[in-house]
Amino acid sequence: MFTGIIQAIGEIKSMENQGDALQITVGSPGFFSPNVVGDSISNDGVCLTIEKCTADEAQFTLIHQTVSTTAFAVRKQGSRLNLEQACRPDSFMGGHFVMGHVDGTAQVKNIIPRETGMELELELPSDLERYVISKGSICLNGISLTVAEKRDAIIRIALIPETLAKTNIEDWLLDHPVNVEVDMIGKYVENFLKQSGYSPQA
């Protein structure tokens, strides 16, 4: 589990197809020093398991489903990734509970520079729209963010300079795919209501 507070920026050093899987090496000076093989790292919001590592680099394998349902489908060597170590029971919860299980991708539809910071408008997939609310939390490329406004499938995110400086948001382009993980509480509530046979009254 993660918190959505980015700890470092990594760079894809190599990508190699392994049959129906993709093997990547991610570099970030000193970031992997506390890690061992088997540890989980959030790479742009995708929970991946370390297969090999040094203090400065780690190797991961993504299965076909992970590649096809996330923004890794368009990543390439040199792409920058938001990195976060898995949290512990005593970790400071600066963001919100993030599983690292991406639900889909959103598209960047508008980039609005502000005197201080930036605003982004993104279009959510239709099957995720119902899980997102104004002033609620959402995870985009591994970053815990607050939805400033929601209009149907369009969400607006307001970004402060600190967030821009510590993440790869400034790499995002119009129609750029962004990994989305919605707040898991809504999904659990929906599943519970379905299992209990609840049907909302008109």
C-alpha atoms as a PDB file:
ATOM      1  CA  MET A   1       0.000   0.000   0.000  1.00  0.00           C
ATOM      2  CA  PHE A   2       1.076   3.575  -0.691  1.00  0.00           C
ATOM      3  CA  THR A   3       0.082   7.118   0.263  1.00  0.00           C
ATOM      4  CA  GLY A   4       0.388   8.976  -3.042  1.00  0.00           C
ATOM      5  CA  ILE A   5       3.168  11.247  -1.769  1.00  0.00           C
ATOM      6  CA  ILE A   6       5.938  11.044  -4.369  1.00  0.00           C
ATOM      7  CA  GLN A   7       9.409  10.479  -2.939  1.00  0.00           C
ATOM      8  CA  ALA A   8      11.566  10.596  -6.075  1.00  0.00           C
ATOM      9  CA  ILE A   9      11.540  10.808  -9.850  1.00  0.00           C
ATOM     10  CA  GLY A  10      12.903   7.821 -11.735  1.00  0.00           C
ATOM     11  CA  GLU A  11      13.856   7.336 -15.362  1.00  0.00           C
ATOM     12  CA  ILE A  12      13.277   4.276 -17.520  1.00  0.00           C
ATOM     13  CA  LYS A  13      16.809   3.186 -18.411  1.00  0.00           C
ATOM     14  CA  SER A  14      15.847   0.182 -20.527  1.00  0.00           C
ATOM     15  CA  MET A  15      12.785  -1.665 -21.805  1.00  0.00           C
ATOM     16  CA  GLU A  16      12.843  -5.218 -23.150  1.00  0.00           C
ATOM     17  CA  ASN A  17       9.962  -7.354 -24.372  1.00  0.00           C
ATOM     18  CA  GLN A  18       9.913 -10.769 -22.711  1.00  0.00           C
ATOM     19  CA  GLY A  19       7.316 -12.713 -24.677  1.00  0.00           C
ATOM     20  CA  ASP A  20       3.988 -11.252 -23.563  1.00  0.00           C
ATOM     21  CA  ALA A  21       5.617  -9.289 -20.727  1.00  0.00           C
ATOM     22  CA  LEU A  22       7.750  -6.150 -20.508  1.00  0.00           C
ATOM     23  CA  GLN A  23      10.917  -5.901 -18.431  1.00  0.00           C
ATOM     24  CA  ILE A  24      12.050  -2.419 -17.417  1.00  0.00           C
ATOM     25  CA  THR A  25      14.974  -0.994 -15.497  1.00  0.00           C
ATOM     26  CA  VAL A  26      14.286   2.213 -13.581  1.00  0.00           C
ATOM     27  CA  GLY A  27      17.043   4.482 -12.313  1.00  0.00           C
ATOM     28  CA  SER A  28      16.931   7.018  -9.493  1.00  0.00           C
ATOM     29  CA  PRO A  29      20.158   7.857  -7.620  1.00  0.00           C
ATOM     30  CA  GLY A  30      20.089   6.408  -4.108  1.00  0.00           C
ATOM     31  CA  PHE A  31      16.336   5.783  -4.057  1.00  0.00           C
ATOM     32  CA  PHE A  32      16.528   1.983  -3.986  1.00  0.00           C
ATOM     33  CA  SER A  33      19.207   1.778  -1.261  1.00  0.00           C
ATOM     34  CA  PRO A  34      16.785   0.497   1.441  1.00  0.00           C
ATOM     35  CA  ASN A  35      15.208  -2.080  -0.877  1.00  0.00           C
ATOM     36  CA  VAL A  36      15.684  -5.791  -1.469  1.00  0.00           C
ATOM     37  CA  VAL A  37      14.345  -8.201  -4.076  1.00  0.00           C
ATOM     38  CA  GLY A  38      10.624  -8.725  -3.520  1.00  0.00           C
ATOM     39  CA  ASP A  39       9.863  -5.223  -2.259  1.00  0.00           C
ATOM     40  CA  SER A  40       7.015  -3.262  -3.852  1.00  0.00           C
ATOM     41  CA  ILE A  41       7.526   0.138  -5.471  1.00  0.00           C
ATOM     42  CA  SER A  42       4.901   2.432  -6.966  1.00  0.00           C
ATOM     43  CA  ASN A  43       6.001   3.376 -10.492  1.00  0.00           C
ATOM     44  CA  ASP A  44       3.636   6.077 -11.791  1.00  0.00           C
ATOM     45  CA  GLY A  45       0.967   4.559  -9.562  1.00  0.00           C
ATOM     46  CA  VAL A  46       1.555   0.944 -10.625  1.00  0.00           C
ATOM     47  CA  CYS A  47       2.659  -1.404  -7.842  1.00  0.00           C
ATOM     48  CA  LEU A  48       5.616  -3.403  -9.180  1.00  0.00           C
ATOM     49  CA  THR A  49       7.868  -5.974  -7.519  1.00  0.00           C
ATOM     50  CA  ILE A  50      11.642  -5.536  -7.491  1.00  0.00           C
ATOM     51  CA  GLU A  51      13.415  -8.431  -9.229  1.00  0.00           C
ATOM     52  CA  LYS A  52      16.949  -7.023  -9.098  1.00  0.00           C
ATOM     53  CA  CYS A  53      18.252  -3.839  -7.547  1.00  0.00           C
ATOM     54  CA  THR A  54      21.208  -1.717  -6.593  1.00  0.00           C
ATOM     55  CA  ALA A  55      21.053   1.548  -4.671  1.00  0.00           C
ATOM     56  CA  ASP A  56      20.480   3.424  -7.934  1.00  0.00           C
ATOM     57  CA  GLU A  57      18.498   1.056 -10.184  1.00  0.00           C
ATOM     58  CA  ALA A  58      15.799  -1.600  -9.978  1.00  0.00           C
ATOM     59  CA  GLN A  59      14.389  -4.100 -12.446  1.00  0.00           C
ATOM     60  CA  PHE A  60      10.678  -4.890 -12.775  1.00  0.00           C
ATOM     61  CA  THR A  61       8.504  -7.054 -15.021  1.00  0.00           C
ATOM     62  CA  LEU A  62       5.051  -5.965 -16.180  1.00  0.00           C
ATOM     63  CA  ILE A  63       2.644  -8.590 -17.477  1.00  0.00           C
ATOM     64  CA  HIS A  64       0.662  -7.918 -20.650  1.00  0.00           C
ATOM     65  CA  GLN A  65      -2.502  -6.910 -18.770  1.00  0.00           C
ATOM     66  CA  THR A  66      -0.614  -4.292 -16.756  1.00  0.00           C
ATOM     67  CA  VAL A  67       0.966  -2.789 -19.870  1.00  0.00           C
ATOM     68  CA  SER A  68      -2.272  -2.737 -21.866  1.00  0.00           C
ATOM     69  CA  THR A  69      -4.425  -1.177 -19.127  1.00  0.00           C
ATOM     70  CA  THR A  70      -1.996   1.507 -17.941  1.00  0.00           C
ATOM     71  CA  ALA A  71       0.005   4.382 -19.392  1.00  0.00           C
ATOM     72  CA  PHE A  72       2.992   2.034 -19.668  1.00  0.00           C
ATOM     73  CA  ALA A  73       1.554   1.177 -23.089  1.00  0.00           C
ATOM     74  CA  VAL A  74       3.060   4.463 -24.347  1.00  0.00           C
ATOM     75  CA  ARG A  75       6.081   4.784 -22.064  1.00  0.00           C
ATOM     76  CA  LYS A  76       9.524   4.606 -23.632  1.00  0.00           C
ATOM     77  CA  GLN A  77      13.164   4.650 -22.628  1.00  0.00           C
ATOM     78  CA  GLY A  78      13.888   7.990 -20.973  1.00  0.00           C
ATOM     79  CA  SER A  79      10.337   8.479 -19.668  1.00  0.00           C
ATOM     80  CA  ARG A  80      10.233   9.851 -16.135  1.00  0.00           C
ATOM     81  CA  LEU A  81       8.249   8.012 -13.459  1.00  0.00           C
ATOM     82  CA  ASN A  82       6.896   9.047 -10.062  1.00  0.00           C
ATOM     83  CA  LEU A  83       8.312   6.715  -7.401  1.00  0.00           C
ATOM     84  CA  GLU A  84       7.142   5.834  -3.904  1.00  0.00           C
ATOM     85  CA  GLN A  85       8.236   3.167  -1.439  1.00  0.00           C
ATOM     86  CA  ALA A  86       5.514   0.960   0.040  1.00  0.00           C
ATOM     87  CA  CYS A  87       4.271   2.362   3.341  1.00  0.00           C
ATOM     88  CA  ARG A  88       4.487   0.628   6.717  1.00  0.00           C
ATOM     89  CA  PRO A  89       1.914   0.522   9.539  1.00  0.00           C
ATOM     90  CA  ASP A  90       3.723   3.425  11.223  1.00  0.00           C
ATOM     91  CA  SER A  91       4.163   5.502   8.042  1.00  0.00           C
ATOM     92  CA  PHE A  92       2.938   9.091   8.011  1.00  0.00           C
ATOM     93  CA  MET A  93      -0.249   9.224   5.921  1.00  0.00           C
ATOM     94  CA  GLY A  94       0.263  12.452   4.004  1.00  0.00           C
ATOM     95  CA  GLY A  95      -2.030  11.556   1.096  1.00  0.00           C
ATOM     96  CA  HIS A  96      -4.686   8.814   1.039  1.00  0.00           C
ATOM     97  CA  PHE A  97      -4.767   5.018   0.851  1.00  0.00           C
ATOM     98  CA  VAL A  98      -3.412   3.967  -2.558  1.00  0.00           C
ATOM     99  CA  MET A  99      -3.224   0.305  -3.546  1.00  0.00           C
ATOM    100  CA  GLY A 100      -1.102   0.651  -6.672  1.00  0.00           C
ATOM    101  CA  HIS A 101      -3.782  -1.167  -8.684  1.00  0.00           C
ATOM    102  CA  VAL A 102      -4.556   1.127 -11.604  1.00  0.00           C
ATOM    103  CA  ASP A 103      -8.225   1.238 -12.638  1.00  0.00           C
ATOM    104  CA  GLY A 104      -7.654   2.773 -16.070  1.00  0.00           C
ATOM    105  CA  THR A 105      -6.256   5.854 -17.772  1.00  0.00           C
ATOM    106  CA  ALA A 106      -7.544   9.414 -18.075  1.00  0.00           C
ATOM    107  CA  GLN A 107      -6.710  11.832 -20.879  1.00  0.00           C
ATOM    108  CA  VAL A 108      -5.291  15.315 -20.319  1.00  0.00           C
ATOM    109  CA  LYS A 109      -7.724  17.703 -22.035  1.00  0.00           C
ATOM    110  CA  ASN A 110      -6.603  21.141 -20.886  1.00  0.00           C
ATOM    111  CA  ILE A 111      -3.462  22.621 -19.314  1.00  0.00           C
ATOM    112  CA  ILE A 112      -4.037  25.996 -17.657  1.00  0.00           C
ATOM    113  CA  PRO A 113      -0.945  27.855 -16.387  1.00  0.00           C
ATOM    114  CA  ARG A 114      -1.598  30.023 -13.343  1.00  0.00           C
ATOM    115  CA  GLU A 115       0.465  32.766 -11.738  1.00  0.00           C
ATOM    116  CA  THR A 116       1.091  30.270  -8.959  1.00  0.00           C
ATOM    117  CA  GLY A 117       1.008  26.652 -10.057  1.00  0.00           C
ATOM    118  CA  MET A 118      -1.168  25.116 -12.740  1.00  0.00           C
ATOM    119  CA  GLU A 119      -4.605  23.624 -13.340  1.00  0.00           C
ATOM    120  CA  LEU A 120      -5.320  20.512 -15.371  1.00  0.00           C
ATOM    121  CA  GLU A 121      -8.541  19.176 -16.818  1.00  0.00           C
ATOM    122  CA  LEU A 122      -8.706  15.458 -17.491  1.00  0.00           C
ATOM    123  CA  GLU A 123     -11.366  13.182 -18.954  1.00  0.00           C
ATOM    124  CA  LEU A 124     -12.110  10.039 -16.975  1.00  0.00           C
ATOM    125  CA  PRO A 125     -13.148   6.705 -18.491  1.00  0.00           C
ATOM    126  CA  SER A 126     -16.933   6.343 -18.341  1.00  0.00           C
ATOM    127  CA  ASP A 127     -16.742   3.323 -16.017  1.00  0.00           C
ATOM    128  CA  LEU A 128     -14.769   5.274 -13.386  1.00  0.00           C
ATOM    129  CA  GLU A 129     -16.734   8.519 -13.396  1.00  0.00           C
ATOM    130  CA  ARG A 130     -19.157   7.427 -10.664  1.00  0.00           C
ATOM    131  CA  TYR A 131     -16.352   6.804  -8.154  1.00  0.00           C
ATOM    132  CA  VAL A 132     -15.031  10.384  -8.277  1.00  0.00           C
ATOM    133  CA  ILE A 133     -16.505  13.344  -6.393  1.00  0.00           C
ATOM    134  CA  SER A 134     -15.638  17.025  -6.094  1.00  0.00           C
ATOM    135  CA  LYS A 135     -13.252  17.632  -3.185  1.00  0.00           C
ATOM    136  CA  GLY A 136     -12.542  13.894  -3.051  1.00  0.00           C
ATOM    137  CA  SER A 137      -9.197  12.150  -3.476  1.00  0.00           C
ATOM    138  CA  ILE A 138      -7.893  10.610  -6.678  1.00  0.00           C
ATOM    139  CA  CYS A 139      -4.546   9.062  -7.576  1.00  0.00           C
ATOM    140  CA  LEU A 140      -3.036  10.192 -10.899  1.00  0.00           C
ATOM    141  CA  ASN A 141       0.290   8.645 -11.954  1.00  0.00           C
ATOM    142  CA  GLY A 142       0.797   7.694  -8.322  1.00  0.00           C
ATOM    143  CA  ILE A 143       0.121  11.203  -6.960  1.00  0.00           C
ATOM    144  CA  SER A 144      -2.538  11.743  -4.302  1.00  0.00           C
ATOM    145  CA  LEU A 145      -4.541  14.738  -5.528  1.00  0.00           C
ATOM    146  CA  THR A 146      -7.779  16.508  -4.668  1.00  0.00           C
ATOM    147  CA  VAL A 147     -10.500  16.915  -7.276  1.00  0.00           C
ATOM    148  CA  ALA A 148     -11.194  20.652  -7.338  1.00  0.00           C
ATOM    149  CA  GLU A 149     -14.235  20.294  -9.588  1.00  0.00           C
ATOM    150  CA  LYS A 150     -16.077  17.554 -11.467  1.00  0.00           C
ATOM    151  CA  ARG A 151     -18.347  18.046 -14.476  1.00  0.00           C
ATOM    152  CA  ASP A 152     -19.593  14.683 -15.715  1.00  0.00           C
ATOM    153  CA  ALA A 153     -16.434  12.871 -16.879  1.00  0.00           C
ATOM    154  CA  ILE A 154     -14.213  15.984 -16.711  1.00  0.00           C
ATOM    155  CA  ILE A 155     -12.260  16.682 -13.538  1.00  0.00           C
ATOM    156  CA  ARG A 156     -10.195  19.754 -12.703  1.00  0.00           C
ATOM    157  CA  ILE A 157      -7.063  19.483 -10.584  1.00  0.00           C
ATOM    158  CA  ALA A 158      -5.320  22.514  -9.046  1.00  0.00           C
ATOM    159  CA  LEU A 159      -1.573  22.077  -8.581  1.00  0.00           C
ATOM    160  CA  ILE A 160       0.806  24.012  -6.353  1.00  0.00           C
ATOM    161  CA  PRO A 161       4.464  24.638  -7.328  1.00  0.00           C
ATOM    162  CA  GLU A 162       5.719  22.063  -4.793  1.00  0.00           C
ATOM    163  CA  THR A 163       3.710  19.290  -6.457  1.00  0.00           C
ATOM    164  CA  LEU A 164       4.940  20.320  -9.900  1.00  0.00           C
ATOM    165  CA  ALA A 165       8.553  20.342  -8.696  1.00  0.00           C
ATOM    166  CA  LYS A 166       8.412  16.912  -7.020  1.00  0.00           C
ATOM    167  CA  THR A 167       6.525  14.959  -9.724  1.00  0.00           C
ATOM    168  CA  ASN A 168       6.513  14.347 -13.476  1.00  0.00           C
ATOM    169  CA  ILE A 169       3.350  16.406 -14.080  1.00  0.00           C
ATOM    170  CA  GLU A 170       5.219  18.933 -16.217  1.00  0.00           C
ATOM    171  CA  ASP A 171       5.897  16.067 -18.679  1.00  0.00           C
ATOM    172  CA  TRP A 172       2.170  15.565 -19.269  1.00  0.00           C
ATOM    173  CA  LEU A 173       0.875  16.708 -22.657  1.00  0.00           C
ATOM    174  CA  LEU A 174      -2.573  17.180 -24.165  1.00  0.00           C
ATOM    175  CA  ASP A 175      -4.250  13.789 -24.693  1.00  0.00           C
ATOM    176  CA  HIS A 176      -1.464  12.287 -22.587  1.00  0.00           C
ATOM    177  CA  PRO A 177      -2.698   9.087 -20.846  1.00  0.00           C
ATOM    178  CA  VAL A 178      -2.471   9.250 -17.058  1.00  0.00           C
ATOM    179  CA  ASN A 179      -2.834   6.279 -14.716  1.00  0.00           C
ATOM    180  CA  VAL A 180      -5.943   6.554 -12.545  1.00  0.00           C
ATOM    181  CA  GLU A 181      -6.745   4.817  -9.288  1.00  0.00           C
ATOM    182  CA  VAL A 182     -10.021   5.917  -7.766  1.00  0.00           C
ATOM    183  CA  ASP A 183     -10.676   5.951  -4.028  1.00  0.00           C
ATOM    184  CA  MET A 184     -11.135   2.301  -3.060  1.00  0.00           C
ATOM    185  CA  ILE A 185     -13.773   3.088  -0.414  1.00  0.00           C
ATOM    186  CA  GLY A 186     -16.374   3.849  -3.074  1.00  0.00           C
ATOM    187  CA  LYS A 187     -15.694   0.550  -4.847  1.00  0.00           C
ATOM    188  CA  TYR A 188     -16.052  -1.439  -1.624  1.00  0.00           C
ATOM    189  CA  VAL A 189     -19.314   0.327  -0.751  1.00  0.00           C
ATOM    190  CA  GLU A 190     -20.719  -0.300  -4.230  1.00  0.00           C
ATOM    191  CA  ASN A 191     -19.770  -3.982  -4.083  1.00  0.00           C
ATOM    192  CA  PHE A 192     -21.302  -4.398  -0.622  1.00  0.00           C
ATOM    193  CA  LEU A 193     -24.569  -2.808  -1.744  1.00  0.00           C
ATOM    194  CA  LYS A 194     -24.723  -5.020  -4.831  1.00  0.00           C
ATOM    195  CA  GLN A 195     -24.071  -8.151  -2.778  1.00  0.00           C
ATOM    196  CA  SER A 196     -26.749  -7.180  -0.271  1.00  0.00           C
ATOM    197  CA  GLY A 197     -29.301  -6.652  -3.034  1.00  0.00           C
ATOM    198  CA  TYR A 198     -29.711  -2.932  -2.356  1.00  0.00           C
ATOM    199  CA  SER A 199     -31.394  -0.975  -5.130  1.00  0.00           C
ATOM    200  CA  PRO A 200     -31.635   2.839  -4.851  1.00  0.00           C
ATOM    201  CA  GLN A 201     -35.175   4.183  -4.918  1.00  0.00           C
ATOM    202  CA  ALA A 202     -36.181   6.593  -7.680  1.00  0.00           C
END
